[in-house]
Each structure stands twice: as C-alpha cells, then as structure tokens.
Amino acid sequence: MTTATRQDTTSGMLRGALVPTLVVGVVSAAVAGFLAGAEGVVGAVIGLALVVVFFGLGLYVLRRSARLDPAVVLLVALGLYAGKVIMIGGSLLLIDATNVLDGRGSELALGLTAIACTVTWTVGQVVGFTRSRVPLYDLGDEGVSS
C-alpha cells in the first residue's frame, strides 16, 4: 500500500466518521436538554467533544505515520489506543475535579453521549475504510495483460 493510498484511506475514514458523529452528538444534546435541561446539554457537548478530539487526533497521527513501515504503523495504532484510554480517563478526572458537571443529569448525558458517539465514530470509520476501495495487494506489471 502506497503512502498516498494510506492517506486517502484516513481521509475516507474521517469523512465517514465525523459527520455521523456530529449528528449523533447534536441529537444527544437535544435529548439531554429536553430531559435534564442546560446541565444535560453541557454534559452531552463535553461527551461529544471528548470523542471528536481524541478520535480525530488518533486519525491525524495515523495519517502522519503513513510513510512508515506497516508494522510500525500497527505499533503506533496500538500506542494510540493506550494513550487515548489514559488521556480520556485523565480528562474525566479533570472534569470531575473542576465541578463542571453540576448533577446526575449532566454526568449521565456525558456518558451516554460519549458511548453513542464512540460507537458511531467506529462504525463510520469502518464504513469509510470499506468505501475507500484499497487494494489488498499489488500485482505489479505481472497483473497487466496486453
């Protein structure tokens, strides 16, 4: 797989994930606002922001590492996963320490929105990748018939 192909793949994954995730986040914020008021909206927006920032950052780093050997890219991806878990956990501890979330409704909205947006992002990435039509192998000149 060439560097350009890998970068095109990450672009397709971003397109497939970002828009549906934003839609789910906005709908979640509206539902949270209806059920829990302003505090629910704050929690939902924070949940959406966490997912978009950390998952978008992961795709950015993968795109930047596209020139590397595929085995190294796999190690980068695994490191990113571990880093995201640690950073999201740290962010949640920081949010809890600053008392940004005022009540049970905002905490519930954050959690449910983050879960819904994470599932949406993941499905969107898979759909974006499958639509990018990346060849599994290169036949080179042997596969070309005259």
C-alpha atoms as a PDB file:
ATOM      1  CA  MET A   1       0.000   0.000   0.000  1.00  0.00           C
ATOM      2  CA  THR A   2       1.467   3.342  -1.000  1.00  0.00           C
ATOM      3  CA  THR A   3       1.691   6.408   1.202  1.00  0.00           C
ATOM      4  CA  ALA A   4      -0.903   8.225  -0.911  1.00  0.00           C
ATOM      5  CA  THR A   5      -3.289   5.282  -0.573  1.00  0.00           C
ATOM      6  CA  ARG A   6      -2.903   5.256   3.209  1.00  0.00           C
ATOM      7  CA  GLN A   7      -3.549   8.994   3.392  1.00  0.00           C
ATOM      8  CA  ASP A   8      -6.608   8.647   1.173  1.00  0.00           C
ATOM      9  CA  THR A   9      -7.809   5.867   3.469  1.00  0.00           C
ATOM     10  CA  THR A  10      -7.537   8.060   6.560  1.00  0.00           C
ATOM     11  CA  SER A  11      -9.368  10.873   4.757  1.00  0.00           C
ATOM     12  CA  GLY A  12     -12.196   8.485   3.882  1.00  0.00           C
ATOM     13  CA  MET A  13     -12.281   7.236   7.453  1.00  0.00           C
ATOM     14  CA  LEU A  14     -12.512  10.804   8.762  1.00  0.00           C
ATOM     15  CA  ARG A  15     -15.322  11.693   6.348  1.00  0.00           C
ATOM     16  CA  GLY A  16     -17.179   8.517   7.238  1.00  0.00           C
ATOM     17  CA  ALA A  17     -16.860   9.102  10.978  1.00  0.00           C
ATOM     18  CA  LEU A  18     -17.012  12.839  11.654  1.00  0.00           C
ATOM     19  CA  VAL A  19     -20.346  13.852  10.126  1.00  0.00           C
ATOM     20  CA  PRO A  20     -22.436  10.998  11.604  1.00  0.00           C
ATOM     21  CA  THR A  21     -20.761  11.518  14.988  1.00  0.00           C
ATOM     22  CA  LEU A  22     -21.608  15.221  14.959  1.00  0.00           C
ATOM     23  CA  VAL A  23     -25.212  14.403  14.060  1.00  0.00           C
ATOM     24  CA  VAL A  24     -25.476  11.886  16.908  1.00  0.00           C
ATOM     25  CA  GLY A  25     -23.869  14.401  19.286  1.00  0.00           C
ATOM     26  CA  VAL A  26     -26.310  17.157  18.354  1.00  0.00           C
ATOM     27  CA  VAL A  27     -29.287  14.814  18.712  1.00  0.00           C
ATOM     28  CA  SER A  28     -27.926  13.622  22.068  1.00  0.00           C
ATOM     29  CA  ALA A  29     -27.537  17.217  23.250  1.00  0.00           C
ATOM     30  CA  ALA A  30     -31.118  17.992  22.208  1.00  0.00           C
ATOM     31  CA  VAL A  31     -32.481  14.940  24.024  1.00  0.00           C
ATOM     32  CA  ALA A  32     -30.344  15.680  27.089  1.00  0.00           C
ATOM     33  CA  GLY A  33     -31.551  19.274  27.052  1.00  0.00           C
ATOM     34  CA  PHE A  34     -35.149  18.121  26.925  1.00  0.00           C
ATOM     35  CA  LEU A  35     -34.700  15.579  29.738  1.00  0.00           C
ATOM     36  CA  ALA A  36     -32.169  17.297  32.024  1.00  0.00           C
ATOM     37  CA  GLY A  37     -32.117  20.941  30.995  1.00  0.00           C
ATOM     38  CA  ALA A  38     -28.996  23.019  30.477  1.00  0.00           C
ATOM     39  CA  GLU A  39     -26.821  20.734  32.589  1.00  0.00           C
ATOM     40  CA  GLY A  40     -27.687  17.835  30.281  1.00  0.00           C
ATOM     41  CA  VAL A  41     -26.670  19.851  27.238  1.00  0.00           C
ATOM     42  CA  VAL A  42     -23.323  20.710  28.874  1.00  0.00           C
ATOM     43  CA  GLY A  43     -22.661  17.043  29.627  1.00  0.00           C
ATOM     44  CA  ALA A  44     -23.596  15.950  26.104  1.00  0.00           C
ATOM     45  CA  VAL A  45     -21.420  18.612  24.480  1.00  0.00           C
ATOM     46  CA  ILE A  46     -18.453  17.597  26.647  1.00  0.00           C
ATOM     47  CA  GLY A  47     -19.009  13.934  25.711  1.00  0.00           C
ATOM     48  CA  LEU A  48     -19.140  14.820  22.011  1.00  0.00           C
ATOM     49  CA  ALA A  49     -16.027  16.985  22.293  1.00  0.00           C
ATOM     50  CA  LEU A  50     -14.053  14.222  24.022  1.00  0.00           C
ATOM     51  CA  VAL A  51     -14.872  11.716  21.287  1.00  0.00           C
ATOM     52  CA  VAL A  52     -14.208  14.072  18.361  1.00  0.00           C
ATOM     53  CA  VAL A  53     -10.946  15.435  19.787  1.00  0.00           C
ATOM     54  CA  PHE A  54      -9.380  12.157  20.851  1.00  0.00           C
ATOM     55  CA  PHE A  55     -10.544  10.016  17.945  1.00  0.00           C
ATOM     56  CA  GLY A  56      -9.741  12.779  15.435  1.00  0.00           C
ATOM     57  CA  LEU A  57      -6.288  13.145  16.960  1.00  0.00           C
ATOM     58  CA  GLY A  58      -5.778   9.409  16.536  1.00  0.00           C
ATOM     59  CA  LEU A  59      -6.600   9.579  12.824  1.00  0.00           C
ATOM     60  CA  TYR A  60      -4.302  12.584  12.415  1.00  0.00           C
ATOM     61  CA  VAL A  61      -1.372  10.720  13.976  1.00  0.00           C
ATOM     62  CA  LEU A  62      -2.080   7.639  11.841  1.00  0.00           C
ATOM     63  CA  ARG A  63      -2.143   9.807   8.726  1.00  0.00           C
ATOM     64  CA  ARG A  64       1.182  11.369   9.680  1.00  0.00           C
ATOM     65  CA  SER A  65       2.706   7.913  10.203  1.00  0.00           C
ATOM     66  CA  ALA A  66       1.555   6.667   6.775  1.00  0.00           C
ATOM     67  CA  ARG A  67       5.085   6.842   5.377  1.00  0.00           C
ATOM     68  CA  LEU A  68       6.361   4.343   7.920  1.00  0.00           C
ATOM     69  CA  ASP A  69       6.578   0.578   7.593  1.00  0.00           C
ATOM     70  CA  PRO A  70       3.163  -1.099   8.135  1.00  0.00           C
ATOM     71  CA  ALA A  71       4.471  -2.953  11.204  1.00  0.00           C
ATOM     72  CA  VAL A  72       5.478   0.376  12.760  1.00  0.00           C
ATOM     73  CA  VAL A  73       2.072   1.839  11.896  1.00  0.00           C
ATOM     74  CA  LEU A  74       0.469  -1.046  13.796  1.00  0.00           C
ATOM     75  CA  LEU A  75       2.620  -0.248  16.842  1.00  0.00           C
ATOM     76  CA  VAL A  76       1.669   3.426  16.533  1.00  0.00           C
ATOM     77  CA  ALA A  77      -2.018   2.471  16.376  1.00  0.00           C
ATOM     78  CA  LEU A  78      -1.747   0.273  19.467  1.00  0.00           C
ATOM     79  CA  GLY A  79       0.131   3.017  21.307  1.00  0.00           C
ATOM     80  CA  LEU A  80      -2.540   5.498  20.274  1.00  0.00           C
ATOM     81  CA  TYR A  81      -5.240   3.260  21.684  1.00  0.00           C
ATOM     82  CA  ALA A  82      -3.483   3.008  25.035  1.00  0.00           C
ATOM     83  CA  GLY A  83      -2.784   6.739  25.010  1.00  0.00           C
ATOM     84  CA  LYS A  84      -6.419   7.568  24.236  1.00  0.00           C
ATOM     85  CA  VAL A  85      -7.658   5.437  27.126  1.00  0.00           C
ATOM     86  CA  ILE A  86      -5.243   7.173  29.510  1.00  0.00           C
ATOM     87  CA  MET A  87      -5.966  10.674  28.183  1.00  0.00           C
ATOM     88  CA  ILE A  88      -9.745  10.228  28.226  1.00  0.00           C
ATOM     89  CA  GLY A  89      -9.539   8.891  31.776  1.00  0.00           C
ATOM     90  CA  GLY A  90      -7.385  11.865  32.775  1.00  0.00           C
ATOM     91  CA  SER A  91      -9.811  14.250  31.099  1.00  0.00           C
ATOM     92  CA  LEU A  92     -12.716  12.742  33.002  1.00  0.00           C
ATOM     93  CA  LEU A  93     -10.807  13.089  36.282  1.00  0.00           C
ATOM     94  CA  LEU A  94     -10.040  16.714  35.430  1.00  0.00           C
ATOM     95  CA  ILE A  95     -13.684  17.396  34.549  1.00  0.00           C
ATOM     96  CA  ASP A  96     -14.756  15.820  37.827  1.00  0.00           C
ATOM     97  CA  ALA A  97     -12.221  17.847  39.828  1.00  0.00           C
ATOM     98  CA  THR A  98     -13.334  21.147  38.296  1.00  0.00           C
ATOM     99  CA  ASN A  99     -17.037  20.503  39.062  1.00  0.00           C
ATOM    100  CA  VAL A 100     -18.074  21.459  35.511  1.00  0.00           C
ATOM    101  CA  LEU A 101     -20.806  18.845  35.654  1.00  0.00           C
ATOM    102  CA  ASP A 102     -23.389  20.020  38.165  1.00  0.00           C
ATOM    103  CA  GLY A 103     -25.533  16.985  38.669  1.00  0.00           C
ATOM    104  CA  ARG A 104     -26.535  13.478  37.833  1.00  0.00           C
ATOM    105  CA  GLY A 105     -28.200  14.564  34.585  1.00  0.00           C
ATOM    106  CA  SER A 106     -25.040  16.094  33.157  1.00  0.00           C
ATOM    107  CA  GLU A 107     -22.929  13.084  34.121  1.00  0.00           C
ATOM    108  CA  LEU A 108     -25.432  10.704  32.570  1.00  0.00           C
ATOM    109  CA  ALA A 109     -25.638  12.848  29.429  1.00  0.00           C
ATOM    110  CA  LEU A 110     -21.843  12.894  29.119  1.00  0.00           C
ATOM    111  CA  GLY A 111     -21.579   9.132  29.497  1.00  0.00           C
ATOM    112  CA  LEU A 112     -24.398   8.194  27.172  1.00  0.00           C
ATOM    113  CA  THR A 113     -23.338  10.733  24.546  1.00  0.00           C
ATOM    114  CA  ALA A 114     -19.728   9.550  24.685  1.00  0.00           C
ATOM    115  CA  ILE A 115     -20.832   5.934  24.251  1.00  0.00           C
ATOM    116  CA  ALA A 116     -23.191   6.737  21.371  1.00  0.00           C
ATOM    117  CA  CYS A 117     -20.602   8.934  19.646  1.00  0.00           C
ATOM    118  CA  THR A 118     -17.842   6.348  20.108  1.00  0.00           C
ATOM    119  CA  VAL A 119     -19.959   3.625  18.516  1.00  0.00           C
ATOM    120  CA  THR A 120     -20.960   5.992  15.701  1.00  0.00           C
ATOM    121  CA  TRP A 121     -17.346   7.053  15.104  1.00  0.00           C
ATOM    122  CA  THR A 122     -16.157   3.452  14.997  1.00  0.00           C
ATOM    123  CA  VAL A 123     -18.885   2.348  12.587  1.00  0.00           C
ATOM    124  CA  GLY A 124     -18.237   5.445  10.465  1.00  0.00           C
ATOM    125  CA  GLN A 125     -14.533   4.636  10.276  1.00  0.00           C
ATOM    126  CA  VAL A 126     -15.247   1.091   9.154  1.00  0.00           C
ATOM    127  CA  VAL A 127     -17.719   2.292   6.529  1.00  0.00           C
ATOM    128  CA  GLY A 128     -15.290   4.983   5.351  1.00  0.00           C
ATOM    129  CA  PHE A 129     -12.476   2.456   5.081  1.00  0.00           C
ATOM    130  CA  THR A 130     -14.532  -0.077   3.148  1.00  0.00           C
ATOM    131  CA  ARG A 131     -15.704   2.599   0.720  1.00  0.00           C
ATOM    132  CA  SER A 132     -12.115   3.698   0.045  1.00  0.00           C
ATOM    133  CA  ARG A 133     -11.584   0.507  -2.005  1.00  0.00           C
ATOM    134  CA  VAL A 134      -7.956  -0.056  -1.050  1.00  0.00           C
ATOM    135  CA  PRO A 135      -6.367  -2.947  -2.964  1.00  0.00           C
ATOM    136  CA  LEU A 136      -5.208  -5.754  -0.713  1.00  0.00           C
ATOM    137  CA  TYR A 137      -2.111  -6.436  -2.779  1.00  0.00           C
ATOM    138  CA  ASP A 138      -0.303  -5.038  -5.787  1.00  0.00           C
ATOM    139  CA  LEU A 139       0.066  -7.318  -8.806  1.00  0.00           C
ATOM    140  CA  GLY A 140       2.661  -5.027 -10.325  1.00  0.00           C
ATOM    141  CA  ASP A 141       3.380  -5.471 -14.010  1.00  0.00           C
ATOM    142  CA  GLU A 142       2.508  -9.174 -13.905  1.00  0.00           C
ATOM    143  CA  GLY A 143      -1.206  -8.498 -13.455  1.00  0.00           C
ATOM    144  CA  VAL A 144      -1.441  -6.258 -16.512  1.00  0.00           C
ATOM    145  CA  SER A 145      -2.414  -8.081 -19.681  1.00  0.00           C
ATOM    146  CA  SER A 146      -1.722  -6.632 -23.103  1.00  0.00           C
END
